[in-house]
Amino acid sequence: MVYFASEGGKLPFWGQATAATNFCEEDYHLTPYIAEFVNSLTNAGYVYYAILGLRNNWGRRPFADFNLQYFALLFVGIGSASFHMTLKRAGQSADQISMFLAAAAVLHRVIVFNNAPYKTPLALALGLILALVFWTQLVLDRPVIHWVVFASMLAVIWRRVIFLIERNIKDKRMVIKTRGMALSGFAAFAIGYGFWVVDVSYCTELRVLRRYLGLPSAWLLEFHGWWHLFTGAGAYLYMALAEYLHLASIDGDGRKDITIEKAWPALFNTVTINTS
């Protein structure tokens, strides 16, 4: 169980917390309308990447195949923000469901790939399995079940993406580039998880240090917020890779190019797939 109650703070607009999890950021320390200010605000990273993906793929067909994962990522930003803003069980459920949906959208895409007959059966199977997992962790009140299953899905996605790169891309330059993207995505998730672990394991020490530093410097030590930013970057890279692999398989030789542009801050990358 991860639950760090806070002392003091403003009178909560949303009432008493009912979520099973409460992270290390002190509740309602800035405004009565947002329980965890930084943890809520940093969900803008998910929204940012979702909009980038939708903008780059809006004209591609079939529309749902290319953009469903980005709508799922948008849902992650909204669901997670609602959880951290209210600390209500409904918000926590929206957060967990959205994470499952985003991971399932990518997992479905990289497993089915171009095998259309398997598209619907796999989608139904994933939906049933994840619904069962969600119900189980809800009944048992064990958020660790959600985290273990989510991490397992990411591991399968990573391995499958590497396999598809080696099987479908003939251009050695693009093999190096796409493997580098896959590694960067994995590293983003790993770094984000490191921040998450430190935030959970050293909450007391972090709170003392934050109070000493004061605002706004203390916000840099809200490590769960960094988890949001890094996992958003990792998810976006894998979603862009899934699209590239699909287009490369249609192209037949894997020679389509990927342009990676740095945005601010350096953590944010925009990925553009050249289809010419």
Protein backbone atom coordinates (compact mmCIF):
# COMPACT_ATOMS: atom_id res chain seq x y z
CA MET A 1 0.00 0.00 0.00
CA VAL A 2 1.28 3.46 -0.94
CA TYR A 3 -0.40 6.05 1.24
CA PHE A 4 1.22 9.17 2.68
CA ALA A 5 -1.24 11.34 4.54
CA SER A 6 -0.47 15.07 4.75
CA GLU A 7 -0.66 17.44 7.66
CA GLY A 8 -2.01 20.93 7.32
CA GLY A 9 -2.87 22.29 3.91
CA LYS A 10 -5.99 24.11 2.83
CA LEU A 11 -9.53 22.85 3.41
CA PRO A 12 -10.11 20.43 0.52
CA PHE A 13 -12.80 21.43 -1.95
CA TRP A 14 -13.28 17.76 -2.94
CA GLY A 15 -13.75 16.51 0.61
CA GLN A 16 -11.98 13.63 2.33
CA ALA A 17 -9.72 11.44 0.19
CA THR A 18 -11.20 8.07 -0.74
CA ALA A 19 -8.47 6.76 -3.09
CA ALA A 20 -6.50 3.73 -1.94
CA THR A 21 -3.24 5.44 -2.93
CA ASN A 22 -1.84 8.82 -1.94
CA PHE A 23 1.62 9.80 -3.16
CA CYS A 24 4.26 11.88 -1.44
CA GLU A 25 3.25 15.36 -2.55
CA GLU A 26 1.55 17.14 0.36
CA ASP A 27 -2.15 17.57 -0.20
CA TYR A 28 -3.82 20.93 -0.87
CA HIS A 29 -0.66 22.87 -0.06
CA LEU A 30 -1.32 25.52 -2.73
CA THR A 31 -5.04 25.63 -3.45
CA PRO A 32 -8.17 23.95 -2.04
CA TYR A 33 -9.18 22.90 -5.56
CA ILE A 34 -6.15 20.71 -6.39
CA ALA A 35 -5.02 18.03 -3.93
CA GLU A 36 -1.60 17.36 -5.50
CA PHE A 37 -0.66 20.40 -7.55
CA VAL A 38 2.52 19.20 -9.29
CA ASN A 39 1.28 15.66 -9.77
CA SER A 40 -1.81 17.10 -11.46
CA LEU A 41 0.01 19.67 -13.58
CA THR A 42 2.62 17.28 -14.98
CA ASN A 43 -0.09 15.24 -16.67
CA ALA A 44 0.08 17.95 -19.31
CA GLY A 45 2.98 15.90 -20.68
CA TYR A 46 0.62 13.08 -21.69
CA VAL A 47 -1.76 15.56 -23.29
CA TYR A 48 1.12 17.23 -25.14
CA TYR A 49 2.30 13.97 -26.69
CA ALA A 50 -1.23 12.86 -27.51
CA ILE A 51 -1.85 16.08 -29.43
CA LEU A 52 1.48 15.70 -31.26
CA GLY A 53 0.58 12.20 -32.37
CA LEU A 54 -2.92 13.20 -33.46
CA ARG A 55 -1.59 16.20 -35.36
CA ASN A 56 0.99 14.11 -37.23
CA ASN A 57 -1.48 11.36 -38.14
CA TRP A 58 -4.75 13.17 -38.66
CA GLY A 59 -4.76 12.54 -42.40
CA ARG A 60 -3.64 8.91 -42.26
CA ARG A 61 -6.00 6.03 -42.98
CA PRO A 62 -7.35 3.96 -41.43
CA PHE A 63 -7.83 6.75 -38.92
CA ALA A 64 -8.63 4.56 -35.90
CA ASP A 65 -5.58 2.33 -36.39
CA PHE A 66 -3.18 5.23 -36.31
CA ASN A 67 -4.86 7.43 -33.71
CA LEU A 68 -6.57 5.18 -31.17
CA GLN A 69 -3.39 4.93 -29.12
CA TYR A 70 -3.07 8.72 -28.97
CA PHE A 71 -6.64 9.11 -27.79
CA ALA A 72 -5.78 6.55 -25.10
CA LEU A 73 -2.73 8.60 -24.12
CA LEU A 74 -4.95 11.69 -23.92
CA PHE A 75 -7.23 9.72 -21.59
CA VAL A 76 -4.19 8.92 -19.40
CA GLY A 77 -3.51 12.62 -18.94
CA ILE A 78 -7.14 13.36 -18.08
CA GLY A 79 -7.60 10.30 -15.85
CA SER A 80 -4.37 10.78 -13.93
CA ALA A 81 -5.03 14.51 -13.46
CA SER A 82 -8.50 13.77 -12.07
CA PHE A 83 -6.99 11.31 -9.59
CA HIS A 84 -4.24 13.61 -8.34
CA MET A 85 -6.55 16.62 -8.29
CA THR A 86 -9.28 15.01 -6.17
CA LEU A 87 -7.75 11.92 -4.48
CA LYS A 88 -11.09 10.21 -5.03
CA ARG A 89 -11.55 6.51 -5.78
CA ALA A 90 -13.33 7.35 -9.04
CA GLY A 91 -10.32 9.40 -10.17
CA GLN A 92 -7.95 6.59 -9.22
CA SER A 93 -10.03 4.14 -11.25
CA ALA A 94 -9.95 6.48 -14.25
CA ASP A 95 -6.16 6.73 -13.89
CA GLN A 96 -5.68 2.94 -13.75
CA ILE A 97 -8.10 2.18 -16.57
CA SER A 98 -6.51 4.81 -18.82
CA MET A 99 -3.02 3.36 -18.23
CA PHE A 100 -4.29 -0.10 -19.18
CA LEU A 101 -6.01 1.25 -22.29
CA ALA A 102 -2.92 3.11 -23.50
CA ALA A 103 -0.63 0.09 -22.97
CA ALA A 104 -3.22 -2.25 -24.52
CA ALA A 105 -3.57 -0.02 -27.61
CA VAL A 106 0.16 -0.26 -28.32
CA LEU A 107 0.36 -3.94 -27.35
CA HIS A 108 -2.53 -4.77 -29.66
CA ARG A 109 -0.95 -2.89 -32.53
CA VAL A 110 2.49 -4.48 -32.27
CA ILE A 111 1.16 -8.02 -31.75
CA VAL A 112 -1.52 -8.00 -34.47
CA PHE A 113 0.60 -5.87 -36.79
CA ASN A 114 -0.81 -6.50 -40.28
CA ASN A 115 -2.75 -9.67 -39.46
CA ALA A 116 -6.25 -8.24 -39.76
CA PRO A 117 -8.14 -11.49 -38.87
CA TYR A 118 -6.62 -11.42 -35.36
CA LYS A 119 -7.45 -7.77 -34.69
CA THR A 120 -10.91 -8.18 -33.14
CA PRO A 121 -10.25 -11.44 -31.18
CA LEU A 122 -7.11 -10.00 -29.59
CA ALA A 123 -8.87 -6.74 -28.71
CA LEU A 124 -11.64 -8.69 -26.99
CA ALA A 125 -9.17 -10.94 -25.17
CA LEU A 126 -7.12 -7.98 -23.93
CA GLY A 127 -10.26 -6.19 -22.82
CA LEU A 128 -11.52 -9.18 -20.84
CA ILE A 129 -8.16 -9.88 -19.21
CA LEU A 130 -7.59 -6.27 -18.18
CA ALA A 131 -11.16 -5.95 -16.89
CA LEU A 132 -10.54 -9.02 -14.72
CA VAL A 133 -7.23 -7.62 -13.47
CA PHE A 134 -8.83 -4.27 -12.67
CA TRP A 135 -11.72 -5.92 -10.82
CA THR A 136 -9.32 -8.16 -8.86
CA GLN A 137 -7.08 -5.35 -7.65
CA LEU A 138 -10.16 -3.27 -6.81
CA VAL A 139 -11.74 -6.04 -4.71
CA LEU A 140 -8.49 -6.99 -3.00
CA ASP A 141 -7.49 -3.32 -2.62
CA ARG A 142 -3.99 -4.13 -3.90
CA PRO A 143 -2.71 -1.43 -6.29
CA VAL A 144 0.49 -3.49 -6.70
CA ILE A 145 -1.47 -5.83 -9.00
CA HIS A 146 -2.10 -2.94 -11.37
CA TRP A 147 1.56 -1.90 -11.38
CA VAL A 148 2.88 -5.42 -11.97
CA VAL A 149 0.51 -6.06 -14.87
CA PHE A 150 1.23 -2.66 -16.42
CA ALA A 151 5.01 -3.22 -16.18
CA SER A 152 4.61 -6.68 -17.73
CA MET A 153 2.72 -5.19 -20.68
CA LEU A 154 5.52 -2.68 -21.23
CA ALA A 155 8.10 -5.48 -21.21
CA VAL A 156 6.16 -7.41 -23.86
CA ILE A 157 5.83 -4.27 -26.00
CA TRP A 158 9.58 -3.63 -25.76
CA ARG A 159 10.49 -7.16 -26.84
CA ARG A 160 7.94 -7.23 -29.64
CA VAL A 161 9.08 -3.88 -31.04
CA ILE A 162 12.71 -5.07 -31.17
CA PHE A 163 11.58 -8.24 -32.97
CA LEU A 164 9.60 -6.26 -35.55
CA ILE A 165 12.51 -3.89 -36.17
CA GLU A 166 14.86 -6.80 -36.88
CA ARG A 167 12.32 -8.59 -39.09
CA ASN A 168 10.84 -5.76 -41.14
CA ILE A 169 13.46 -3.02 -41.61
CA LYS A 170 16.09 -3.63 -44.27
CA ASP A 171 17.85 -0.27 -44.17
CA LYS A 172 20.66 -0.63 -41.62
CA ARG A 173 20.63 3.10 -40.91
CA MET A 174 16.97 2.92 -39.95
CA VAL A 175 17.55 -0.22 -37.89
CA ILE A 176 20.06 1.73 -35.81
CA LYS A 177 17.75 4.73 -35.56
CA THR A 178 14.65 2.77 -34.57
CA ARG A 179 16.55 0.59 -32.09
CA GLY A 180 17.85 3.82 -30.58
CA MET A 181 14.29 5.10 -30.25
CA ALA A 182 13.21 1.85 -28.61
CA LEU A 183 16.12 2.08 -26.18
CA SER A 184 15.32 5.73 -25.45
CA GLY A 185 11.72 4.81 -24.73
CA PHE A 186 12.81 2.01 -22.41
CA ALA A 187 15.27 4.34 -20.67
CA ALA A 188 12.52 6.95 -20.20
CA PHE A 189 10.31 4.39 -18.47
CA ALA A 190 13.23 3.13 -16.35
CA ILE A 191 14.22 6.64 -15.24
CA GLY A 192 10.61 7.49 -14.51
CA TYR A 193 10.27 4.34 -12.45
CA GLY A 194 13.43 5.31 -10.55
CA PHE A 195 11.84 8.64 -9.63
CA TRP A 196 8.68 6.80 -8.60
CA VAL A 197 10.61 4.44 -6.29
CA VAL A 198 12.56 7.27 -4.64
CA ASP A 199 9.35 9.25 -4.12
CA VAL A 200 7.75 6.27 -2.37
CA SER A 201 10.80 5.06 -0.44
CA TYR A 202 12.08 8.38 0.90
CA CYS A 203 8.91 10.40 1.31
CA THR A 204 9.68 11.61 4.84
CA GLU A 205 13.14 12.86 3.85
CA LEU A 206 11.82 14.48 0.67
CA ARG A 207 9.13 16.35 2.56
CA VAL A 208 11.67 17.72 5.04
CA LEU A 209 13.90 18.88 2.19
CA ARG A 210 10.99 20.43 0.27
CA ARG A 211 9.90 22.42 3.30
CA TYR A 212 13.46 23.62 3.75
CA LEU A 213 13.76 24.74 0.11
CA GLY A 214 10.32 26.31 -0.12
CA LEU A 215 8.37 27.04 -3.29
CA PRO A 216 8.97 26.98 -6.18
CA SER A 217 12.31 25.12 -5.80
CA ALA A 218 10.64 22.34 -3.81
CA TRP A 219 8.58 21.41 -6.86
CA LEU A 220 11.72 19.98 -8.48
CA LEU A 221 11.69 17.29 -5.79
CA GLU A 222 8.15 16.17 -6.54
CA PHE A 223 9.44 12.98 -8.11
CA HIS A 224 6.08 11.46 -8.98
CA GLY A 225 5.63 14.39 -11.34
CA TRP A 226 8.87 13.41 -13.07
CA TRP A 227 7.44 9.89 -13.43
CA HIS A 228 4.58 11.43 -15.43
CA LEU A 229 6.91 13.35 -17.73
CA PHE A 230 9.29 10.49 -18.41
CA THR A 231 6.60 7.85 -18.94
CA GLY A 232 4.78 10.22 -21.28
CA ALA A 233 7.95 10.53 -23.37
CA GLY A 234 8.50 6.76 -23.35
CA ALA A 235 4.90 6.02 -24.35
CA TYR A 236 5.05 8.50 -27.21
CA LEU A 237 8.25 7.02 -28.62
CA TYR A 238 6.80 3.52 -28.65
CA MET A 239 3.56 4.72 -30.23
CA ALA A 240 5.52 6.48 -32.98
CA LEU A 241 7.62 3.35 -33.47
CA ALA A 242 4.49 1.21 -33.85
CA GLU A 243 3.30 3.55 -36.60
CA TYR A 244 6.66 3.54 -38.34
CA LEU A 245 6.86 -0.25 -38.32
CA HIS A 246 3.38 -0.45 -39.83
CA LEU A 247 4.25 2.01 -42.59
CA ALA A 248 7.61 0.33 -43.22
CA SER A 249 5.93 -3.03 -43.69
CA ILE A 250 3.58 -1.50 -46.28
CA ASP A 251 6.51 0.23 -47.97
CA GLY A 252 8.24 -3.12 -48.26
CA ASP A 253 11.82 -2.09 -47.64
CA GLY A 254 11.70 -0.13 -44.40
CA ARG A 255 13.26 2.95 -45.95
CA LYS A 256 10.80 5.51 -44.67
CA ASP A 257 12.50 8.05 -42.48
CA ILE A 258 11.88 9.35 -38.97
CA THR A 259 12.68 12.89 -37.96
CA ILE A 260 13.16 13.55 -34.25
CA GLU A 261 13.00 17.20 -33.30
CA LYS A 262 13.95 18.50 -29.88
CA ALA A 263 11.40 20.67 -28.13
CA TRP A 264 11.49 22.38 -24.73
CA PRO A 265 12.40 20.94 -22.36
CA ALA A 266 14.89 18.50 -23.88
CA LEU A 267 12.82 15.63 -22.47
CA PHE A 268 10.15 16.34 -25.08
CA ASN A 269 10.82 14.92 -28.54
CA THR A 270 8.57 15.31 -31.56
CA VAL A 271 8.69 12.38 -33.97
CA THR A 272 7.67 12.91 -37.59
CA ILE A 273 7.42 9.98 -40.02
CA ASN A 274 8.28 10.89 -43.60
CA THR A 275 5.96 8.94 -45.89
CA SER A 276 7.37 10.20 -49.18
